[in-house]
Protein backbone atom coordinates (compact mmCIF):
# COMPACT_ATOMS: atom_id res chain seq x y z
CA MET A 1 -0.02 -0.09 -0.01
CA GLN A 2 1.04 3.26 -0.62
CA ARG A 3 1.94 6.23 1.26
CA ILE A 4 -1.03 9.05 1.93
CA SER A 5 0.27 11.24 -0.57
CA SER A 6 -0.21 8.67 -3.02
CA TRP A 7 -3.62 9.06 -2.37
CA TRP A 8 -6.00 10.91 -4.45
CA LYS A 9 -10.02 12.18 -4.14
CA TRP A 10 -12.63 9.79 -4.98
CA PRO A 11 -13.99 8.98 -7.49
CA PRO A 12 -12.20 6.61 -9.07
CA GLU A 13 -11.99 6.07 -12.81
CA GLY A 14 -15.05 4.02 -14.16
CA GLY A 15 -17.29 4.64 -10.89
CA ASN A 16 -17.82 1.94 -8.05
CA ARG A 17 -18.12 -1.93 -9.09
CA GLY A 18 -21.54 -3.11 -7.18
CA GLY A 19 -21.81 -6.06 -5.14
CA SER A 20 -22.82 -7.10 -1.75
CA ILE A 21 -20.34 -7.27 1.30
CA GLY A 22 -19.27 -10.36 3.05
CA ALA A 23 -17.73 -10.88 6.14
CA SER A 24 -14.32 -10.19 7.09
CA LEU A 25 -11.78 -12.82 6.78
CA LEU A 26 -8.67 -12.62 9.23
CA GLU A 27 -5.41 -12.93 7.19
CA PRO A 28 -3.12 -15.51 8.57
CA VAL A 29 0.01 -14.57 9.74
CA GLU A 30 2.45 -16.22 7.40
CA ARG A 31 2.11 -17.59 3.85
CA SER A 32 3.55 -20.75 4.17
CA PRO A 33 2.35 -23.83 3.10
CA VAL A 34 -0.15 -25.82 5.91
CA PRO A 35 1.77 -28.39 7.62
CA ALA A 36 0.55 -31.73 6.84
CA MET A 37 -1.88 -33.43 9.55
CA LYS A 38 -1.16 -36.57 10.89
CA ALA A 39 -3.54 -39.26 9.87
CA HIS A 40 -5.06 -39.84 13.34
CA ASP A 41 -5.19 -35.94 14.06
CA GLU A 42 -6.72 -34.45 11.13
CA SER A 43 -9.85 -33.55 13.45
CA MET A 44 -9.62 -32.12 16.91
CA SER A 45 -10.35 -34.71 19.81
CA ALA A 46 -13.63 -34.18 21.83
CA ALA A 47 -11.07 -33.35 24.92
CA ASP A 48 -8.96 -30.64 23.52
CA TYR A 49 -12.65 -28.68 21.76
CA SER A 50 -13.59 -28.85 25.43
CA ARG A 51 -10.44 -27.40 26.95
CA LEU A 52 -10.34 -24.73 23.98
CA CYS A 53 -14.21 -24.09 23.98
CA GLY A 54 -13.62 -23.47 28.13
CA LEU A 55 -10.57 -20.98 27.57
CA ILE A 56 -12.61 -18.91 24.87
CA TYR A 57 -15.59 -18.64 27.04
CA ASP A 58 -13.10 -17.57 30.24
CA GLU A 59 -10.86 -15.14 27.77
CA ALA A 60 -13.68 -13.75 25.61
CA GLY A 61 -16.91 -14.82 26.19
CA ILE A 62 -18.14 -16.76 23.37
CA HIS A 63 -19.93 -19.70 23.82
CA LEU A 64 -19.22 -22.49 21.08
CA ASN A 65 -21.68 -25.43 21.22
CA ALA A 66 -20.60 -28.90 19.66
CA GLU A 67 -22.18 -27.91 16.60
CA LYS A 68 -19.31 -25.43 15.95
CA LYS A 69 -16.45 -27.58 16.32
CA THR A 70 -15.40 -27.87 12.23
CA MET A 71 -15.83 -24.03 12.67
CA LEU A 72 -13.13 -24.09 14.93
CA GLU A 73 -10.99 -26.73 13.72
CA ALA A 74 -10.87 -24.61 10.25
CA ARG A 75 -10.16 -21.33 12.32
CA ILE A 76 -7.56 -22.76 14.19
CA ARG A 77 -5.87 -24.42 11.25
CA ARG A 78 -4.67 -20.54 10.64
CA ARG A 79 -2.85 -20.76 13.81
CA LEU A 80 -0.99 -24.20 12.93
CA LYS A 81 0.08 -22.59 9.73
CA ALA A 82 1.37 -19.49 10.78
CA LEU A 83 3.23 -21.79 14.05
CA SER A 84 4.15 -24.63 11.71
CA ILE A 85 2.92 -26.69 14.01
CA ALA A 86 1.71 -30.23 12.64
CA SER A 87 -1.75 -30.98 14.64
CA PHE A 88 -4.14 -30.07 16.98
CA SER A 89 -3.33 -31.98 20.28
CA GLU A 90 0.50 -30.09 19.24
CA TYR A 91 -1.33 -26.84 19.28
CA CYS A 92 -3.37 -27.43 22.59
CA ALA A 93 0.02 -28.63 24.16
CA THR A 94 1.71 -25.27 23.21
CA LEU A 95 -1.05 -23.54 24.39
CA PHE A 96 -1.57 -24.99 27.76
CA GLY A 97 1.94 -25.09 28.24
CA ARG A 98 4.00 -22.62 30.28
CA ASN A 99 3.43 -18.93 29.06
CA GLY A 100 1.05 -20.67 25.90
CA ILE A 101 -2.23 -18.66 26.92
CA LYS A 102 -0.41 -15.43 27.42
CA ASP A 103 1.54 -15.40 24.02
CA GLU A 104 -1.41 -17.13 22.29
CA ILE A 105 -4.60 -15.69 23.43
CA PRO A 106 -4.74 -12.73 21.70
CA HIS A 107 -4.34 -14.43 18.14
CA LEU A 108 -6.48 -17.13 19.12
CA ILE A 109 -9.24 -14.93 20.01
CA ASP A 110 -8.46 -12.94 16.43
CA VAL A 111 -9.24 -16.62 14.80
CA VAL A 112 -12.18 -17.13 16.57
CA THR A 113 -14.10 -13.66 16.57
CA THR A 114 -16.39 -13.27 13.46
CA ASN A 115 -16.13 -9.76 11.79
CA LYS A 116 -19.18 -9.02 10.18
CA THR A 117 -19.76 -5.08 9.49
CA ASP A 118 -20.75 -2.68 6.61
CA PHE A 119 -20.94 1.20 5.96
CA PHE A 120 -24.12 2.52 6.96
CA ARG A 121 -25.38 -0.62 8.15
CA GLU A 122 -29.24 -0.36 9.94
CA PRO A 123 -29.04 3.06 8.15
CA LYS A 124 -32.33 4.16 10.89
CA HIS A 125 -30.34 4.32 13.81
CA PHE A 126 -27.91 7.10 12.05
CA ASP A 127 -31.18 8.93 11.00
CA PHE A 128 -32.53 8.99 14.55
CA LEU A 129 -28.96 10.08 15.58
CA THR A 130 -29.39 13.27 13.78
CA ALA A 131 -32.93 13.94 13.55
CA LYS A 132 -33.31 13.43 17.45
CA ALA A 133 -30.63 11.82 19.65
CA LEU A 134 -27.61 14.54 19.01
CA PRO A 135 -30.51 17.41 19.34
CA ASP A 136 -31.15 15.57 22.68
CA LEU A 137 -28.10 15.13 23.52
CA ILE A 138 -26.57 18.73 23.00
CA ALA A 139 -29.56 20.29 24.70
CA ARG A 140 -28.77 18.19 28.08
CA ASN A 141 -25.09 19.32 27.62
CA ARG A 142 -24.99 22.48 29.80
CA LEU A 143 -21.03 22.00 30.12
CA GLY A 144 -20.91 22.44 26.10
CA ARG A 145 -18.12 19.64 26.15
CA PRO A 146 -17.75 17.25 23.34
CA LEU A 147 -20.23 14.51 22.94
CA LEU A 148 -18.47 11.04 23.36
CA ILE A 149 -19.87 8.06 21.18
CA TRP A 150 -18.71 4.96 21.66
CA SER A 151 -18.83 2.15 18.74
CA ALA A 152 -18.35 -0.93 20.83
CA GLY A 153 -17.00 -4.01 18.93
CA CYS A 154 -16.16 -1.92 16.13
CA SER A 155 -14.43 -4.51 13.72
CA THR A 156 -12.47 -3.58 11.02
CA GLY A 157 -14.05 0.28 11.22
CA GLU A 158 -16.76 0.76 9.14
CA GLU A 159 -19.31 1.66 11.82
CA PRO A 160 -17.16 4.14 13.70
CA TYR A 161 -15.85 5.65 10.29
CA THR A 162 -19.89 6.14 9.35
CA LEU A 163 -20.41 7.84 12.57
CA ALA A 164 -17.65 10.26 12.00
CA MET A 165 -19.06 11.41 8.17
CA VAL A 166 -22.80 11.37 10.13
CA MET A 167 -21.69 13.72 13.03
CA SER A 168 -19.03 15.55 10.95
CA GLU A 169 -21.96 16.52 8.20
CA TYR A 170 -24.36 17.31 11.29
CA ALA A 171 -20.99 19.91 12.74
CA GLU A 172 -21.29 21.36 9.37
CA LYS A 173 -24.96 22.54 9.90
CA HIS A 174 -24.50 23.24 13.79
CA PRO A 175 -21.69 25.39 14.06
CA GLY A 176 -19.89 24.84 17.35
CA PHE A 177 -21.07 21.30 17.98
CA ARG A 178 -18.15 19.46 18.71
CA PHE A 179 -18.01 15.27 19.21
CA ARG A 180 -15.35 12.54 19.62
CA ILE A 181 -15.90 8.91 18.52
CA LEU A 182 -14.11 6.01 20.75
CA ALA A 183 -14.11 2.75 18.89
CA THR A 184 -12.74 -0.28 20.76
CA ASP A 185 -12.45 -4.20 19.88
CA VAL A 186 -11.19 -7.38 20.81
CA SER A 187 -9.31 -8.06 17.89
CA THR A 188 -6.28 -6.80 17.60
CA THR A 189 -5.91 -7.84 13.80
CA VAL A 190 -8.72 -6.15 13.11
CA LEU A 191 -8.28 -3.03 14.71
CA ALA A 192 -5.11 -2.20 12.74
CA LYS A 193 -7.40 -2.54 9.66
CA ALA A 194 -9.28 -0.27 11.13
CA ASP A 195 -7.13 1.81 12.22
CA ARG A 196 -5.35 2.43 8.74
CA GLY A 197 -8.61 2.89 6.89
CA VAL A 198 -8.14 1.25 3.53
CA TYR A 199 -11.26 -0.48 1.48
CA THR A 200 -11.83 -1.89 -1.28
CA ASN A 201 -14.56 0.06 -3.40
CA ASP A 202 -17.59 -2.88 -2.98
CA VAL A 203 -17.21 -2.62 0.64
CA VAL A 204 -17.62 1.38 0.48
CA ALA A 205 -20.54 0.84 -1.89
CA PRO A 206 -23.10 1.37 1.00
CA VAL A 207 -21.33 5.33 1.22
CA PRO A 208 -23.27 7.84 -0.66
CA ALA A 209 -21.70 9.60 -3.37
CA ALA A 210 -21.70 12.67 -2.12
CA LEU A 211 -19.83 11.37 0.87
CA LYS A 212 -17.13 9.46 -1.04
CA LEU A 213 -16.28 12.51 -2.51
CA LYS A 214 -15.53 14.49 0.49
CA TYR A 215 -13.96 11.66 2.63
CA LEU A 216 -12.58 8.83 0.89
CA LEU A 217 -9.07 9.19 -1.12
CA ARG A 218 -8.52 7.31 -3.95
CA SER A 219 -4.82 5.46 -5.06
CA ARG A 220 -2.53 7.18 -8.15
CA ASP A 221 -2.69 3.44 -9.04
CA ARG A 222 -5.34 3.79 -11.36
CA SER A 223 -5.87 0.00 -11.31
CA SER A 224 -6.38 -0.10 -7.72
CA GLU A 225 -9.76 -1.17 -6.08
CA GLN A 226 -8.73 0.03 -3.00
CA VAL A 227 -9.70 3.63 -1.18
CA ARG A 228 -8.71 5.14 2.02
CA ILE A 229 -10.14 7.14 4.66
CA SER A 230 -9.30 10.86 4.46
CA PRO A 231 -6.94 12.00 7.36
CA GLU A 232 -9.20 14.40 8.50
CA LEU A 233 -12.04 11.69 9.20
CA ARG A 234 -9.49 9.16 10.51
CA ARG A 235 -8.17 12.05 13.25
CA LEU A 236 -12.13 11.81 14.82
CA VAL A 237 -11.67 8.50 15.67
CA GLU A 238 -9.75 6.53 18.61
CA PHE A 239 -9.02 2.83 18.39
CA ARG A 240 -8.59 1.18 21.75
CA HIS A 241 -8.41 -2.53 22.23
CA LEU A 242 -11.10 -3.75 24.92
CA ASN A 243 -12.51 -7.09 26.14
CA PHE A 244 -16.05 -7.00 27.36
CA MET A 245 -14.44 -9.60 30.26
CA ASP A 246 -11.90 -7.60 31.05
CA SER A 247 -12.90 -6.33 34.76
CA ASP A 248 -11.94 -2.80 34.40
CA TYR A 249 -12.59 -1.24 31.09
CA GLY A 250 -10.26 1.59 31.39
CA MET A 251 -13.08 4.16 30.86
CA ALA A 252 -12.57 7.49 32.11
CA GLU A 253 -15.78 9.28 31.30
CA LYS A 254 -19.55 8.10 30.26
CA ALA A 255 -20.12 8.02 26.70
CA ASP A 256 -23.12 9.75 25.47
CA ALA A 257 -24.36 6.88 23.36
CA ILE A 258 -23.13 3.24 22.43
CA PHE A 259 -22.99 1.89 19.33
CA CYS A 260 -22.85 -2.22 20.20
CA ARG A 261 -24.92 -3.80 17.27
CA ASN A 262 -24.74 -7.40 16.26
CA VAL A 263 -21.98 -7.79 18.77
CA ILE A 264 -24.03 -10.16 21.98
CA ILE A 265 -25.22 -12.46 19.47
CA TYR A 266 -22.46 -14.36 19.97
CA PHE A 267 -22.23 -14.89 23.71
CA ASP A 268 -24.41 -16.65 25.86
CA ARG A 269 -27.55 -15.12 27.70
CA PRO A 270 -26.26 -14.63 31.07
CA THR A 271 -23.11 -12.88 29.39
CA GLN A 272 -25.09 -10.85 27.26
CA GLU A 273 -26.64 -9.39 30.29
CA ARG A 274 -23.61 -8.86 32.35
CA ILE A 275 -22.03 -7.14 29.11
CA LEU A 276 -24.82 -5.05 28.53
CA GLY A 277 -25.35 -3.96 32.26
CA ARG A 278 -21.92 -3.25 32.16
CA LEU A 279 -22.44 -1.11 28.83
CA ALA A 280 -24.94 0.76 30.25
CA ASP A 281 -23.21 1.56 33.70
CA HIS A 282 -20.90 3.15 31.00
CA VAL A 283 -23.76 5.44 29.46
CA LEU A 284 -24.79 8.60 30.77
CA PRO A 285 -28.22 9.20 32.22
CA GLY A 286 -30.44 10.31 29.18
CA GLY A 287 -27.81 8.61 27.01
CA TYR A 288 -28.51 6.17 24.37
CA MET A 289 -27.85 2.55 23.37
CA PHE A 290 -27.70 1.17 20.26
CA VAL A 291 -27.84 -2.56 19.71
CA GLY A 292 -28.52 -4.31 16.39
CA HIS A 293 -32.04 -5.25 15.32
CA SER A 294 -31.61 -9.10 15.69
CA GLU A 295 -30.81 -8.78 19.59
CA THR A 296 -33.56 -8.61 22.10
CA LEU A 297 -33.02 -7.14 25.58
CA HIS A 298 -36.36 -8.70 26.59
CA ASP A 299 -36.52 -10.01 30.28
CA MET A 300 -33.12 -8.67 30.91
CA HIS A 301 -32.40 -6.75 34.21
CA LEU A 302 -30.98 -3.41 32.98
CA PRO A 303 -31.24 0.19 33.59
CA LEU A 304 -32.39 1.07 29.93
CA ALA A 305 -35.69 1.88 28.35
CA PRO A 306 -37.15 1.15 25.00
CA VAL A 307 -36.84 3.91 22.87
CA ALA A 308 -37.58 2.37 19.37
CA PRO A 309 -36.59 -0.77 17.63
CA ALA A 310 -33.30 -2.06 18.60
CA LEU A 311 -32.43 1.33 20.60
CA TYR A 312 -32.75 1.91 24.13
CA ARG A 313 -32.19 5.23 26.83
CA ARG A 314 -30.17 5.20 30.09
CA LEU A 315 -32.64 5.52 32.85
CA GLU A 316 -32.01 8.24 35.39
CA GLY A 317 -30.33 7.30 38.65
CA ASN A 318 -29.87 3.48 39.15
CA GLY A 319 -32.76 2.54 37.53
CA ARG A 320 -32.47 -1.29 38.28
């Protein structure tokens, strides 16, 4: 990839390529051939699978049932390849050996997590943000401080950069409005991609044409299918590593709104409620919590009140 000086403003010659956006795939660390698996060790043993599931649940909160065994085998083969390890049993021996968990757990979480995201996904949330939430939050903000919006589970950055575009457009129409965007994820691999802000033309297809002109750069290499988020927009987003299972989120201040969309579906129900409760504790009273449309908070004991589909408001006081 060329330096930023080698990027020009949108649009690329010939326009966009259409197409749907698939799930993000994590690239293996190395490109050496996959080591040959021993014939008797082509499948992960039930004991190793059980140990790995327990570790993944403890470290990342992700619940894997028996039906996910084939998926986990396929993803861990990336680590076998990267480490030149020949079998699942050898991998587990390394992982559970001295310093193995400390050294390997970030990589294991990287290959286990699913990173499906889009620009302007569930667009009605952004309509609500600009039409109702921001005016309300500004009215409540008597100190005139910058509003803090947190993209929790930001993946490769499409959501926080969408927020940066939407809120920058709002700021242009409302002089004096200031904001900050915090974007966190458990995967160090996707955070590195997000921070770089480079995407293919297909991935940025949902971005409105006018916003592409303002906020996307294209490569001087006319054959390139990649674009980059403008440096002005990238400066508005702070990317940070955060594991929802950590005892301390390291948040010095509470957010005015949290976007945690299509994230909790990967956790079991008790873990979902525990994580959402902790996130709610990091929202200012009267602030907003946006979740995915496939996610429900029904029967959860949380200090949140429903406002619209997949949208909640932090109750005043404890609210529990």
